[in-house]
Amino acid sequence: MDITLSQTFIAVDDHDQAIAFYRDALGFEVRNDVSFEGMRWVTVGSPSQPDVSIVLEPPLADPNASAADRETMAEVLAKGLLRGAIFATDDVDATFERIRATGAEVLQEPVDQPYGVRDCAFRDPAGNALRFNQPKR
């Protein structure tokens, strides 16, 4: 039996801003853009990983959720408390410069970590923390 990752989800509050970030800053392709019951899901992914997709979804993608629950999730997202993702790159310093040049919020400049990677971190437009790392050379 072989189990692999197919899709993962990142909450966003503005899909158009998220598309601009993930497409233009990270170089991902937009694979799908779907609306349903007043909500929107946009699927993006790296051209080098066609079998792995990131779904940019509303903070609470449940049409039956209460208004209070939707508000709570929006507040949690706005505080930057939801998890983002960790991406691998073959050149963390070049990746950092590319993303920083787009005006993205820097959380951490590239640094060698004691656990064997060199990494940096940014926030996406919704406030999600995204890390980018490469094995130390």
N, C-alpha and C. Protein backbone atom coordinates (compact mmCIF):
# COMPACT_ATOMS: atom_id res chain seq x y z
N MET A 1 0.85 -1.17 0.00
CA MET A 1 0.00 0.00 0.00
C MET A 1 0.89 1.24 0.00
N ASP A 2 0.54 2.21 -0.83
CA ASP A 2 1.30 3.45 -0.95
C ASP A 2 0.35 4.62 -0.68
N ILE A 3 0.65 5.39 0.35
CA ILE A 3 -0.18 6.55 0.69
C ILE A 3 0.64 7.80 0.44
N THR A 4 0.08 8.74 -0.31
CA THR A 4 0.78 9.99 -0.61
C THR A 4 -0.15 11.17 -0.35
N LEU A 5 0.43 12.32 -0.18
CA LEU A 5 -0.35 13.54 -0.01
C LEU A 5 -0.88 13.99 -1.36
N SER A 6 -2.16 14.29 -1.41
CA SER A 6 -2.79 14.76 -2.64
C SER A 6 -3.16 16.24 -2.53
N GLN A 7 -3.85 16.60 -1.44
CA GLN A 7 -4.28 17.98 -1.24
C GLN A 7 -4.11 18.36 0.22
N THR A 8 -3.87 19.63 0.43
CA THR A 8 -3.87 20.20 1.76
C THR A 8 -4.58 21.55 1.67
N PHE A 9 -5.00 22.08 2.79
CA PHE A 9 -5.84 23.27 2.80
C PHE A 9 -5.19 24.40 3.59
N ILE A 10 -5.30 25.61 3.06
CA ILE A 10 -4.86 26.82 3.75
C ILE A 10 -6.01 27.80 3.72
N ALA A 11 -6.37 28.33 4.88
CA ALA A 11 -7.48 29.28 4.98
C ALA A 11 -7.03 30.66 4.52
N VAL A 12 -7.86 31.31 3.72
CA VAL A 12 -7.59 32.67 3.26
C VAL A 12 -8.87 33.49 3.35
N ASP A 13 -8.70 34.79 3.51
CA ASP A 13 -9.88 35.66 3.61
C ASP A 13 -10.13 36.48 2.35
N ASP A 14 -9.18 36.47 1.43
CA ASP A 14 -9.34 37.17 0.15
C ASP A 14 -8.66 36.32 -0.92
N HIS A 15 -9.47 35.63 -1.70
CA HIS A 15 -8.92 34.71 -2.69
C HIS A 15 -8.11 35.41 -3.77
N ASP A 16 -8.51 36.59 -4.17
CA ASP A 16 -7.77 37.30 -5.21
C ASP A 16 -6.37 37.68 -4.73
N GLN A 17 -6.26 38.17 -3.49
CA GLN A 17 -4.94 38.46 -2.93
C GLN A 17 -4.13 37.18 -2.78
N ALA A 18 -4.78 36.11 -2.34
CA ALA A 18 -4.08 34.84 -2.16
C ALA A 18 -3.57 34.31 -3.50
N ILE A 19 -4.39 34.40 -4.54
CA ILE A 19 -3.94 33.96 -5.86
C ILE A 19 -2.72 34.75 -6.29
N ALA A 20 -2.76 36.05 -6.15
CA ALA A 20 -1.61 36.88 -6.54
C ALA A 20 -0.35 36.45 -5.79
N PHE A 21 -0.47 36.17 -4.50
CA PHE A 21 0.69 35.76 -3.72
C PHE A 21 1.20 34.38 -4.15
N TYR A 22 0.34 33.39 -4.14
CA TYR A 22 0.78 32.03 -4.43
C TYR A 22 1.22 31.86 -5.89
N ARG A 23 0.58 32.58 -6.79
CA ARG A 23 0.95 32.50 -8.21
C ARG A 23 2.19 33.35 -8.49
N ASP A 24 2.14 34.63 -8.10
CA ASP A 24 3.19 35.56 -8.51
C ASP A 24 4.43 35.50 -7.62
N ALA A 25 4.25 35.40 -6.31
CA ALA A 25 5.40 35.37 -5.41
C ALA A 25 6.04 33.98 -5.34
N LEU A 26 5.20 32.93 -5.32
CA LEU A 26 5.74 31.58 -5.18
C LEU A 26 5.89 30.84 -6.50
N GLY A 27 5.26 31.34 -7.56
CA GLY A 27 5.38 30.68 -8.87
C GLY A 27 4.47 29.48 -9.04
N PHE A 28 3.44 29.36 -8.20
CA PHE A 28 2.50 28.24 -8.33
C PHE A 28 1.53 28.49 -9.47
N GLU A 29 0.98 27.41 -9.99
CA GLU A 29 -0.04 27.53 -11.01
C GLU A 29 -1.41 27.43 -10.37
N VAL A 30 -2.37 28.15 -10.95
CA VAL A 30 -3.75 28.06 -10.49
C VAL A 30 -4.38 26.90 -11.25
N ARG A 31 -4.87 25.91 -10.52
CA ARG A 31 -5.39 24.69 -11.14
C ARG A 31 -6.91 24.63 -11.19
N ASN A 32 -7.56 25.32 -10.27
CA ASN A 32 -9.01 25.28 -10.22
C ASN A 32 -9.52 26.46 -9.42
N ASP A 33 -10.72 26.92 -9.74
CA ASP A 33 -11.35 28.04 -9.04
C ASP A 33 -12.85 27.75 -9.02
N VAL A 34 -13.37 27.39 -7.85
CA VAL A 34 -14.74 26.91 -7.73
C VAL A 34 -15.48 27.71 -6.67
N SER A 35 -16.73 28.07 -6.98
CA SER A 35 -17.60 28.73 -6.01
C SER A 35 -18.78 27.82 -5.71
N PHE A 36 -19.23 27.86 -4.44
CA PHE A 36 -20.37 27.04 -4.03
C PHE A 36 -20.98 27.66 -2.78
N GLU A 37 -22.27 27.91 -2.81
CA GLU A 37 -23.01 28.45 -1.68
C GLU A 37 -22.32 29.65 -1.03
N GLY A 38 -21.89 30.58 -1.87
CA GLY A 38 -21.28 31.80 -1.36
C GLY A 38 -19.84 31.65 -0.92
N MET A 39 -19.25 30.49 -1.10
CA MET A 39 -17.85 30.26 -0.73
C MET A 39 -17.04 30.00 -1.99
N ARG A 40 -15.72 30.09 -1.85
CA ARG A 40 -14.83 29.92 -2.99
C ARG A 40 -13.63 29.08 -2.57
N TRP A 41 -13.23 28.17 -3.45
CA TRP A 41 -12.04 27.37 -3.26
C TRP A 41 -11.17 27.53 -4.50
N VAL A 42 -9.91 27.84 -4.29
CA VAL A 42 -8.96 27.97 -5.39
C VAL A 42 -7.83 26.96 -5.13
N THR A 43 -7.55 26.15 -6.12
CA THR A 43 -6.50 25.15 -6.00
C THR A 43 -5.26 25.64 -6.73
N VAL A 44 -4.13 25.63 -6.01
CA VAL A 44 -2.85 26.03 -6.59
C VAL A 44 -1.84 24.92 -6.33
N GLY A 45 -0.74 24.97 -7.05
CA GLY A 45 0.31 23.99 -6.81
C GLY A 45 1.55 24.29 -7.60
N SER A 46 2.63 23.67 -7.18
CA SER A 46 3.91 23.83 -7.87
C SER A 46 3.88 23.04 -9.17
N PRO A 47 4.34 23.65 -10.27
CA PRO A 47 4.41 22.90 -11.53
C PRO A 47 5.28 21.65 -11.41
N SER A 48 6.23 21.64 -10.47
CA SER A 48 7.10 20.47 -10.32
C SER A 48 6.46 19.37 -9.47
N GLN A 49 5.26 19.63 -8.90
CA GLN A 49 4.54 18.63 -8.13
C GLN A 49 3.09 18.57 -8.60
N PRO A 50 2.84 18.05 -9.79
CA PRO A 50 1.48 18.06 -10.33
C PRO A 50 0.48 17.23 -9.53
N ASP A 51 0.95 16.32 -8.70
CA ASP A 51 0.04 15.47 -7.93
C ASP A 51 -0.27 16.01 -6.54
N VAL A 52 0.31 17.17 -6.18
CA VAL A 52 0.08 17.77 -4.86
C VAL A 52 -0.53 19.15 -5.06
N SER A 53 -1.67 19.38 -4.43
CA SER A 53 -2.36 20.66 -4.56
C SER A 53 -2.61 21.29 -3.21
N ILE A 54 -2.63 22.61 -3.19
CA ILE A 54 -3.02 23.39 -2.02
C ILE A 54 -4.35 24.04 -2.35
N VAL A 55 -5.33 23.81 -1.50
CA VAL A 55 -6.65 24.40 -1.70
C VAL A 55 -6.74 25.62 -0.78
N LEU A 56 -6.92 26.78 -1.38
CA LEU A 56 -7.11 28.02 -0.64
C LEU A 56 -8.60 28.12 -0.37
N GLU A 57 -8.97 28.00 0.89
CA GLU A 57 -10.38 27.90 1.24
C GLU A 57 -10.77 29.00 2.23
N PRO A 58 -12.07 29.22 2.40
CA PRO A 58 -12.52 30.18 3.40
C PRO A 58 -12.09 29.73 4.80
N PRO A 59 -11.97 30.66 5.76
CA PRO A 59 -11.56 30.28 7.11
C PRO A 59 -12.45 29.21 7.74
N LEU A 60 -13.71 29.17 7.38
CA LEU A 60 -14.61 28.12 7.86
C LEU A 60 -15.45 27.68 6.67
N ALA A 61 -14.98 26.64 6.00
CA ALA A 61 -15.63 26.17 4.77
C ALA A 61 -16.73 25.16 5.08
N ASP A 62 -17.75 25.64 5.76
CA ASP A 62 -18.88 24.79 6.11
C ASP A 62 -20.14 25.62 5.93
N PRO A 63 -20.97 25.31 4.92
CA PRO A 63 -22.17 26.12 4.68
C PRO A 63 -23.16 26.10 5.84
N ASN A 64 -23.03 25.14 6.76
CA ASN A 64 -23.94 25.05 7.89
C ASN A 64 -23.41 25.71 9.16
N ALA A 65 -22.22 26.30 9.08
CA ALA A 65 -21.63 26.93 10.26
C ALA A 65 -22.42 28.18 10.64
N SER A 66 -22.44 28.44 11.92
CA SER A 66 -23.16 29.62 12.41
C SER A 66 -22.38 30.89 12.10
N ALA A 67 -23.06 32.00 12.12
CA ALA A 67 -22.42 33.30 11.91
C ALA A 67 -21.37 33.54 12.98
N ALA A 68 -21.65 33.14 14.21
CA ALA A 68 -20.69 33.32 15.31
C ALA A 68 -19.42 32.49 15.07
N ASP A 69 -19.59 31.26 14.59
CA ASP A 69 -18.42 30.42 14.30
C ASP A 69 -17.61 31.00 13.15
N ARG A 70 -18.28 31.51 12.14
CA ARG A 70 -17.57 32.13 11.01
C ARG A 70 -16.77 33.34 11.49
N GLU A 71 -17.36 34.13 12.35
CA GLU A 71 -16.68 35.32 12.88
C GLU A 71 -15.47 34.91 13.72
N THR A 72 -15.63 33.90 14.54
CA THR A 72 -14.52 33.42 15.37
C THR A 72 -13.36 32.95 14.50
N MET A 73 -13.65 32.16 13.47
CA MET A 73 -12.58 31.68 12.59
C MET A 73 -11.91 32.82 11.85
N ALA A 74 -12.68 33.81 11.42
CA ALA A 74 -12.10 34.98 10.74
C ALA A 74 -11.16 35.72 11.68
N GLU A 75 -11.54 35.82 12.96
CA GLU A 75 -10.69 36.48 13.95
C GLU A 75 -9.40 35.70 14.19
N VAL A 76 -9.51 34.38 14.28
CA VAL A 76 -8.33 33.54 14.48
C VAL A 76 -7.39 33.68 13.28
N LEU A 77 -7.92 33.67 12.07
CA LEU A 77 -7.11 33.83 10.88
C LEU A 77 -6.43 35.20 10.89
N ALA A 78 -7.18 36.25 11.22
CA ALA A 78 -6.63 37.62 11.22
C ALA A 78 -5.48 37.76 12.21
N LYS A 79 -5.49 36.98 13.28
CA LYS A 79 -4.42 37.03 14.28
C LYS A 79 -3.19 36.24 13.83
N GLY A 80 -3.30 35.49 12.73
CA GLY A 80 -2.18 34.68 12.27
C GLY A 80 -1.97 33.42 13.09
N LEU A 81 -3.03 32.91 13.69
CA LEU A 81 -2.91 31.76 14.59
C LEU A 81 -3.09 30.41 13.91
N LEU A 82 -3.51 30.40 12.65
CA LEU A 82 -3.66 29.12 11.95
C LEU A 82 -2.33 28.71 11.34
N ARG A 83 -2.14 27.42 11.23
CA ARG A 83 -0.91 26.91 10.63
C ARG A 83 -0.91 27.14 9.13
N GLY A 84 0.25 27.35 8.57
CA GLY A 84 0.41 27.49 7.14
C GLY A 84 1.02 26.22 6.58
N ALA A 85 2.23 26.36 6.03
CA ALA A 85 2.89 25.21 5.41
C ALA A 85 4.39 25.42 5.42
N ILE A 86 5.11 24.34 5.25
CA ILE A 86 6.56 24.39 5.09
C ILE A 86 6.87 23.88 3.70
N PHE A 87 7.58 24.70 2.94
CA PHE A 87 7.95 24.36 1.56
C PHE A 87 9.44 24.09 1.48
N ALA A 88 9.83 23.18 0.60
CA ALA A 88 11.23 22.89 0.35
C ALA A 88 11.68 23.69 -0.87
N THR A 89 12.92 24.13 -0.84
CA THR A 89 13.51 24.86 -1.96
C THR A 89 14.97 24.44 -2.10
N ASP A 90 15.50 24.54 -3.30
CA ASP A 90 16.91 24.20 -3.48
C ASP A 90 17.83 25.40 -3.22
N ASP A 91 17.26 26.60 -3.03
CA ASP A 91 18.06 27.80 -2.74
C ASP A 91 17.23 28.75 -1.88
N VAL A 92 17.32 28.59 -0.57
CA VAL A 92 16.49 29.38 0.34
C VAL A 92 16.80 30.87 0.24
N ASP A 93 18.05 31.24 -0.01
CA ASP A 93 18.39 32.65 -0.10
C ASP A 93 17.77 33.31 -1.33
N ALA A 94 17.81 32.64 -2.46
CA ALA A 94 17.17 33.17 -3.67
C ALA A 94 15.65 33.20 -3.51
N THR A 95 15.10 32.17 -2.88
CA THR A 95 13.65 32.13 -2.63
C THR A 95 13.26 33.30 -1.73
N PHE A 96 14.05 33.55 -0.69
CA PHE A 96 13.77 34.66 0.20
C PHE A 96 13.75 35.99 -0.56
N GLU A 97 14.76 36.22 -1.38
CA GLU A 97 14.84 37.49 -2.12
C GLU A 97 13.67 37.63 -3.09
N ARG A 98 13.30 36.56 -3.75
CA ARG A 98 12.18 36.61 -4.69
C ARG A 98 10.87 36.98 -3.98
N ILE A 99 10.61 36.31 -2.86
CA ILE A 99 9.36 36.57 -2.14
C ILE A 99 9.39 37.95 -1.49
N ARG A 100 10.52 38.32 -0.90
CA ARG A 100 10.62 39.64 -0.27
C ARG A 100 10.40 40.75 -1.29
N ALA A 101 10.87 40.56 -2.50
CA ALA A 101 10.71 41.58 -3.55
C ALA A 101 9.25 41.85 -3.91
N THR A 102 8.36 40.91 -3.57
CA THR A 102 6.93 41.12 -3.84
C THR A 102 6.25 41.93 -2.74
N GLY A 103 6.99 42.24 -1.68
CA GLY A 103 6.41 43.00 -0.57
C GLY A 103 5.80 42.14 0.51
N ALA A 104 6.00 40.83 0.45
CA ALA A 104 5.44 39.94 1.47
C ALA A 104 6.04 40.25 2.84
N GLU A 105 5.24 40.02 3.88
CA GLU A 105 5.70 40.27 5.24
C GLU A 105 6.73 39.22 5.66
N VAL A 106 7.93 39.68 6.00
CA VAL A 106 9.01 38.79 6.42
C VAL A 106 8.84 38.46 7.91
N LEU A 107 8.85 37.18 8.22
CA LEU A 107 8.84 36.74 9.61
C LEU A 107 10.24 36.37 10.08
N GLN A 108 11.05 35.84 9.15
CA GLN A 108 12.42 35.44 9.50
C GLN A 108 13.28 35.44 8.25
N GLU A 109 14.39 36.12 8.32
CA GLU A 109 15.36 36.07 7.22
C GLU A 109 16.04 34.71 7.23
N PRO A 110 16.72 34.34 6.14
CA PRO A 110 17.37 33.02 6.10
C PRO A 110 18.37 32.84 7.23
N VAL A 111 18.31 31.68 7.85
CA VAL A 111 19.20 31.35 8.96
C VAL A 111 19.43 29.84 8.97
N ASP A 112 20.64 29.44 9.40
CA ASP A 112 20.94 28.02 9.57
C ASP A 112 20.36 27.57 10.90
N GLN A 113 19.52 26.54 10.86
CA GLN A 113 18.88 26.04 12.06
C GLN A 113 19.67 24.86 12.62
N PRO A 114 19.63 24.66 13.93
CA PRO A 114 20.39 23.55 14.53
C PRO A 114 19.83 22.17 14.16
N TYR A 115 18.63 22.13 13.58
CA TYR A 115 18.04 20.84 13.22
C TYR A 115 18.28 20.48 11.76
N GLY A 116 19.27 21.12 11.12
CA GLY A 116 19.75 20.64 9.82
C GLY A 116 19.22 21.29 8.57
N VAL A 117 18.53 22.42 8.70
CA VAL A 117 18.06 23.13 7.50
C VAL A 117 18.45 24.60 7.59
N ARG A 118 18.47 25.24 6.47
CA ARG A 118 18.55 26.69 6.38
C ARG A 118 17.15 27.12 5.95
N ASP A 119 16.54 28.06 6.69
CA ASP A 119 15.17 28.41 6.35
C ASP A 119 14.87 29.88 6.57
N CYS A 120 13.71 30.27 6.06
CA CYS A 120 13.20 31.63 6.23
C CYS A 120 11.68 31.51 6.34
N ALA A 121 11.03 32.62 6.70
CA ALA A 121 9.58 32.55 6.86
C ALA A 121 8.92 33.87 6.48
N PHE A 122 7.71 33.76 5.96
CA PHE A 122 6.88 34.89 5.55
C PHE A 122 5.46 34.66 6.02
N ARG A 123 4.65 35.72 5.94
CA ARG A 123 3.20 35.58 6.09
C ARG A 123 2.59 35.77 4.71
N ASP A 124 1.57 34.96 4.42
CA ASP A 124 0.81 35.20 3.19
C ASP A 124 -0.17 36.35 3.46
N PRO A 125 -0.89 36.83 2.47
CA PRO A 125 -1.80 37.97 2.69
C PRO A 125 -2.87 37.74 3.76
N ALA A 126 -3.21 36.48 4.05
CA ALA A 126 -4.21 36.18 5.07
C ALA A 126 -3.60 36.07 6.47
N GLY A 127 -2.28 36.09 6.57
CA GLY A 127 -1.62 35.99 7.86
C GLY A 127 -1.04 34.63 8.19
N ASN A 128 -1.17 33.66 7.28
CA ASN A 128 -0.63 32.33 7.52
C ASN A 128 0.90 32.36 7.46
N ALA A 129 1.53 31.68 8.42
CA ALA A 129 2.99 31.58 8.43
C ALA A 129 3.42 30.50 7.44
N LEU A 130 4.32 30.87 6.55
CA LEU A 130 4.85 29.94 5.56
C LEU A 130 6.37 29.90 5.72
N ARG A 131 6.91 28.70 5.83
CA ARG A 131 8.37 28.55 5.96
C ARG A 131 8.91 27.93 4.68
N PHE A 132 10.14 28.28 4.37
CA PHE A 132 10.82 27.77 3.18
C PHE A 132 12.19 27.29 3.64
N ASN A 133 12.48 26.00 3.36
CA ASN A 133 13.77 25.49 3.84
C ASN A 133 14.48 24.64 2.82
N GLN A 134 15.77 24.49 3.08
CA GLN A 134 16.61 23.59 2.29
C GLN A 134 17.57 22.92 3.26
N PRO A 135 18.00 21.68 2.96
CA PRO A 135 19.01 21.04 3.81
C PRO A 135 20.28 21.87 3.80
N LYS A 136 20.96 21.91 4.94
CA LYS A 136 22.24 22.63 5.01
C LYS A 136 23.22 21.99 4.05
N ARG A 137 24.01 22.83 3.45
CA ARG A 137 25.04 22.34 2.49
C ARG A 137 26.32 22.01 3.18
